[in-house]
């Protein structure tokens, strides 16, 4: 949605139209799900902060299927502020989809994301933009000290330590919603499912420079937290996905082939041992469960190995040059006529 100078809200952008208005300096993208009580104050504080900066900006709310009247509150903000836009999703698709929609329609060269619950201060935005100016590509907030329940802090600590250990990306608060990106990052990193939790890991895969800033964190004043144990544990499964696509997306045989050969080797040794017992020990092995285990391990090992080979062939024939890995290109301009035959 966009707002005309006359104050009437018009729908100017739809998925697939390719409409792209003029670029801005900063876009603030805010996923919203049932946060109607905080939206007016959040909008007011964001406007005050951004007006104090010497930048062109926009505030882009993504209503992710709210059912508490947040959509109506957001709609009331647009006619009074031409720099505010609202994207209405058809239903609650989750934060990753909301962020992807916001990134797709954002016009800013720098993109700031934050949650709509006002547990983080919009006044932190200038500090994050300054870090981008210093050469970083992604700046991640670290909520310290964390103003949440003890159980939630423990879950978050375990989650962050596990993610850092497995991925090698050392951050204290990887899932903090307060982040600042260069546009190249959001154009390169692909989000789906619940992968928004692991944006820093996915960005690091492409060599983007990441920094971390501590920010003030406030207790929730309105609404209910969207995170609980039931929403966090699937993140562990998503971590397996992230590790695979960051370490083995271009070399699946290193994982599948390695595991397959290990299983095949274990099965082969079991069968070799049983064959020795049968040939030289005179033992009857046909009905021994160990024989079934050995044969099964050999078969599964071969299957995994050949799956890895098929994946390598698929990548070989469908590999494309990924511009996302390129930071910059340096070259010396040629004088007119040079290099021409």
Foldseek 3Di string as FASTA:
>chain_A
DFADPVLDDDDDDDPPPPDADAAWAEEEEEEDAAQQVQVVVVVVQLVVQVVVDPIGYAYEYEDQAHDNCNVVSLVVVRSVDRRYYYHYDPHRQDDLVSVLVCLVRHRHQKYWYAYRQPQFHSNCVVVQVVVVVVPAFKEAEDAPPADDDPVVVVLQQVVLVVLCVLLVDDDRGQQHRTMMGGSLLSVAQHTDDPCSSPSVSSSVLLVGGYHYDYTYGHDGDDDDDPDDPVNCVVVVVVSVVSSCCSPPVQQLLVPLLVQLVVLLVVLVVLVVVVVCCVPPVVDDCPPPVSNVSSVVSNVSSVVSNVVSVVSNVVCVVPPDDRCSNDDDDDDDDDDPPPPDD
